[in-house]
């Protein structure tokens, strides 16, 4: 290999290494963003699950109160 060919080879190798470093850096940033987004999504899912439990408990409470009212109305109708 002539010195000019060696220099071109090394230049190409340097370019490829620089591109690889840039890709790795970009992928690391994307991974960090994805991890953060996943953590936020998990926190939101947990919050929504808790809210759902509260709403279901409230629904049961309202259902019980309505059933009592209906039973009272039935008693008035029977009299």
N, C-alpha and C. Protein backbone atom coordinates (compact mmCIF):
# COMPACT_ATOMS: atom_id res chain seq x y z
N UNK A 1 0.84 -1.17 0.00
CA UNK A 1 0.00 0.00 0.00
C UNK A 1 0.89 1.24 0.00
N UNK A 2 0.56 2.16 -0.87
CA UNK A 2 1.35 3.40 -0.94
C UNK A 2 0.99 4.31 0.22
N UNK A 3 1.82 5.25 0.53
CA UNK A 3 1.52 6.17 1.64
C UNK A 3 0.20 6.92 1.43
N UNK A 4 -0.12 7.28 0.20
CA UNK A 4 -1.38 7.98 -0.07
C UNK A 4 -2.56 7.05 0.21
N UNK A 5 -2.45 5.78 -0.16
CA UNK A 5 -3.52 4.81 0.10
C UNK A 5 -3.68 4.57 1.59
N UNK A 6 -2.56 4.51 2.29
CA UNK A 6 -2.61 4.33 3.74
C UNK A 6 -3.29 5.53 4.41
N UNK A 7 -2.98 6.72 3.91
CA UNK A 7 -3.57 7.93 4.47
C UNK A 7 -5.07 7.95 4.21
N UNK A 8 -5.50 7.58 2.99
CA UNK A 8 -6.93 7.50 2.67
C UNK A 8 -7.62 6.46 3.54
N UNK A 9 -6.96 5.31 3.72
CA UNK A 9 -7.53 4.25 4.54
C UNK A 9 -7.72 4.73 5.97
N UNK A 10 -6.70 5.38 6.52
CA UNK A 10 -6.78 5.89 7.89
C UNK A 10 -7.84 7.00 8.00
N UNK A 11 -7.93 7.84 6.99
CA UNK A 11 -8.95 8.90 6.98
C UNK A 11 -10.35 8.31 6.98
N UNK A 12 -10.56 7.29 6.14
CA UNK A 12 -11.86 6.62 6.08
C UNK A 12 -12.18 5.93 7.40
N UNK A 13 -11.15 5.31 7.97
CA UNK A 13 -11.33 4.64 9.26
C UNK A 13 -11.71 5.64 10.34
N UNK A 14 -11.03 6.79 10.35
CA UNK A 14 -11.36 7.84 11.32
C UNK A 14 -12.81 8.31 11.15
N UNK A 15 -13.22 8.52 9.90
CA UNK A 15 -14.60 8.96 9.63
C UNK A 15 -15.61 7.93 10.14
N UNK A 16 -15.34 6.69 9.86
CA UNK A 16 -16.26 5.63 10.29
C UNK A 16 -16.32 5.54 11.80
N UNK A 17 -15.19 5.70 12.46
CA UNK A 17 -15.17 5.65 13.93
C UNK A 17 -15.94 6.84 14.49
N UNK A 18 -15.74 8.03 13.91
CA UNK A 18 -16.47 9.21 14.38
C UNK A 18 -17.98 9.02 14.21
N UNK A 19 -18.40 8.47 13.09
CA UNK A 19 -19.83 8.21 12.86
C UNK A 19 -20.36 7.20 13.88
N UNK A 20 -19.56 6.18 14.17
CA UNK A 20 -19.97 5.18 15.15
C UNK A 20 -20.11 5.80 16.54
N UNK A 21 -19.19 6.68 16.89
CA UNK A 21 -19.26 7.37 18.19
C UNK A 21 -20.51 8.23 18.25
N UNK A 22 -20.83 8.91 17.17
CA UNK A 22 -22.04 9.74 17.13
C UNK A 22 -23.30 8.90 17.26
N UNK A 23 -23.32 7.76 16.60
CA UNK A 23 -24.48 6.87 16.68
C UNK A 23 -24.64 6.35 18.10
N UNK A 24 -23.55 5.95 18.72
CA UNK A 24 -23.61 5.45 20.10
C UNK A 24 -24.11 6.54 21.04
N UNK A 25 -23.62 7.76 20.87
CA UNK A 25 -24.05 8.87 21.73
C UNK A 25 -25.54 9.14 21.54
N UNK A 26 -26.00 9.13 20.29
CA UNK A 26 -27.42 9.36 20.01
C UNK A 26 -28.27 8.25 20.61
N UNK A 27 -27.83 7.01 20.46
CA UNK A 27 -28.57 5.89 21.01
C UNK A 27 -28.64 5.94 22.53
N UNK A 28 -27.57 6.39 23.17
CA UNK A 28 -27.58 6.53 24.63
C UNK A 28 -28.59 7.59 25.06
N UNK A 29 -28.65 8.70 24.33
CA UNK A 29 -29.61 9.75 24.64
C UNK A 29 -31.04 9.23 24.45
N UNK A 30 -31.26 8.50 23.37
CA UNK A 30 -32.59 7.95 23.11
C UNK A 30 -32.98 6.95 24.20
N UNK A 31 -32.01 6.15 24.64
CA UNK A 31 -32.28 5.18 25.70
C UNK A 31 -32.66 5.90 26.99
N UNK A 32 -31.90 6.95 27.34
CA UNK A 32 -32.22 7.71 28.55
C UNK A 32 -33.61 8.30 28.48
N UNK A 33 -33.96 8.84 27.32
CA UNK A 33 -35.29 9.43 27.13
C UNK A 33 -36.36 8.35 27.25
N UNK A 34 -36.10 7.18 26.68
CA UNK A 34 -37.07 6.09 26.74
C UNK A 34 -37.25 5.57 28.17
N UNK A 35 -36.16 5.49 28.90
CA UNK A 35 -36.23 5.04 30.30
C UNK A 35 -37.04 6.04 31.12
N UNK A 36 -36.78 7.32 30.91
CA UNK A 36 -37.51 8.36 31.62
C UNK A 36 -39.00 8.30 31.27
N UNK A 37 -39.30 8.16 30.00
CA UNK A 37 -40.69 8.09 29.55
C UNK A 37 -41.39 6.86 30.13
N UNK A 38 -40.69 5.75 30.19
CA UNK A 38 -41.27 4.52 30.76
C UNK A 38 -41.56 4.70 32.25
N UNK A 39 -40.65 5.36 32.96
CA UNK A 39 -40.87 5.60 34.40
C UNK A 39 -42.07 6.51 34.60
N UNK A 40 -42.20 7.53 33.76
CA UNK A 40 -43.36 8.42 33.86
C UNK A 40 -44.65 7.67 33.55
N UNK A 41 -44.60 6.79 32.57
CA UNK A 41 -45.79 6.01 32.20
C UNK A 41 -46.17 5.06 33.33
N UNK A 42 -45.18 4.45 33.97
CA UNK A 42 -45.47 3.57 35.11
C UNK A 42 -46.10 4.35 36.25
N UNK A 43 -45.58 5.54 36.52
CA UNK A 43 -46.13 6.38 37.60
C UNK A 43 -47.57 6.78 37.27
N UNK A 44 -47.82 7.13 36.02
CA UNK A 44 -49.18 7.49 35.60
C UNK A 44 -50.12 6.30 35.70
N UNK A 45 -49.65 5.13 35.30
CA UNK A 45 -50.48 3.92 35.40
C UNK A 45 -50.81 3.61 36.85
N UNK A 46 -49.85 3.79 37.73
CA UNK A 46 -50.09 3.55 39.16
C UNK A 46 -51.11 4.55 39.71
N UNK A 47 -50.97 5.80 39.32
CA UNK A 47 -51.91 6.83 39.76
C UNK A 47 -53.32 6.52 39.26
N UNK A 48 -53.42 6.11 38.02
CA UNK A 48 -54.73 5.79 37.44
C UNK A 48 -55.34 4.55 38.10
N UNK A 49 -54.51 3.58 38.45
CA UNK A 49 -55.01 2.38 39.14
C UNK A 49 -55.57 2.75 40.50
N UNK A 50 -54.87 3.64 41.20
CA UNK A 50 -55.36 4.09 42.51
C UNK A 50 -56.67 4.86 42.36
N UNK A 51 -56.73 5.71 41.35
CA UNK A 51 -57.96 6.48 41.09
C UNK A 51 -59.12 5.55 40.76
N UNK A 52 -58.83 4.52 39.99
CA UNK A 52 -59.86 3.54 39.64
C UNK A 52 -60.39 2.85 40.89
N UNK A 53 -59.52 2.48 41.79
CA UNK A 53 -59.95 1.84 43.03
C UNK A 53 -60.85 2.77 43.83
N UNK A 54 -60.48 4.04 43.91
CA UNK A 54 -61.30 5.01 44.65
C UNK A 54 -62.68 5.13 43.99
N UNK A 55 -62.70 5.24 42.66
CA UNK A 55 -63.97 5.37 41.95
C UNK A 55 -64.84 4.13 42.11
N UNK A 56 -64.23 2.96 42.09
CA UNK A 56 -65.00 1.74 42.27
C UNK A 56 -65.57 1.66 43.68
N UNK A 57 -64.81 2.11 44.67
CA UNK A 57 -65.31 2.11 46.05
C UNK A 57 -66.47 3.09 46.17
N UNK A 58 -66.33 4.26 45.56
CA UNK A 58 -67.42 5.24 45.58
C UNK A 58 -68.67 4.68 44.89
N UNK A 59 -68.47 4.00 43.79
CA UNK A 59 -69.59 3.41 43.06
C UNK A 59 -70.32 2.39 43.93
N UNK A 60 -69.57 1.56 44.63
CA UNK A 60 -70.19 0.57 45.52
C UNK A 60 -70.97 1.27 46.62
N UNK A 61 -70.42 2.34 47.14
CA UNK A 61 -71.09 3.09 48.20
C UNK A 61 -72.40 3.69 47.68
N UNK A 62 -72.36 4.29 46.51
CA UNK A 62 -73.57 4.86 45.91
C UNK A 62 -74.58 3.77 45.63
N UNK A 63 -74.12 2.64 45.10
CA UNK A 63 -75.03 1.52 44.82
C UNK A 63 -75.73 1.07 46.10
N UNK A 64 -74.98 0.97 47.19
CA UNK A 64 -75.57 0.55 48.46
C UNK A 64 -76.61 1.55 48.95
N UNK A 65 -76.32 2.82 48.81
CA UNK A 65 -77.27 3.85 49.24
C UNK A 65 -78.54 3.81 48.40
N UNK A 66 -78.38 3.62 47.09
CA UNK A 66 -79.56 3.54 46.21
C UNK A 66 -80.39 2.31 46.55
N UNK A 67 -79.73 1.19 46.81
CA UNK A 67 -80.47 -0.03 47.17
C UNK A 67 -81.27 0.19 48.45
N UNK A 68 -80.69 0.90 49.42
CA UNK A 68 -81.41 1.19 50.66
C UNK A 68 -82.61 2.08 50.38
N UNK A 69 -82.43 3.10 49.54
CA UNK A 69 -83.54 3.99 49.19
C UNK A 69 -84.65 3.21 48.48
N UNK A 70 -84.28 2.33 47.58
CA UNK A 70 -85.28 1.53 46.87
C UNK A 70 -86.02 0.59 47.84
N UNK A 71 -85.30 0.05 48.79
CA UNK A 71 -85.94 -0.81 49.79
C UNK A 71 -86.92 0.00 50.62
N UNK A 72 -86.54 1.23 50.97
CA UNK A 72 -87.44 2.10 51.72
C UNK A 72 -88.69 2.43 50.90
N UNK A 73 -88.51 2.71 49.62
CA UNK A 73 -89.66 3.00 48.75
C UNK A 73 -90.55 1.76 48.65
N UNK A 74 -89.95 0.60 48.54
CA UNK A 74 -90.74 -0.64 48.48
C UNK A 74 -91.56 -0.82 49.75
N UNK A 75 -90.98 -0.49 50.90
CA UNK A 75 -91.70 -0.60 52.15
C UNK A 75 -92.89 0.37 52.19
N UNK A 76 -92.71 1.57 51.64
CA UNK A 76 -93.81 2.54 51.60
C UNK A 76 -94.92 2.03 50.67
N UNK A 77 -94.55 1.41 49.60
CA UNK A 77 -95.53 0.90 48.64
C UNK A 77 -96.31 -0.27 49.23
N UNK A 78 -95.69 -1.05 50.10
CA UNK A 78 -96.32 -2.24 50.69
C UNK A 78 -97.34 -1.83 51.75
N UNK A 79 -97.20 -0.67 52.29
CA UNK A 79 -98.10 -0.26 53.38
C UNK A 79 -99.42 0.20 52.89
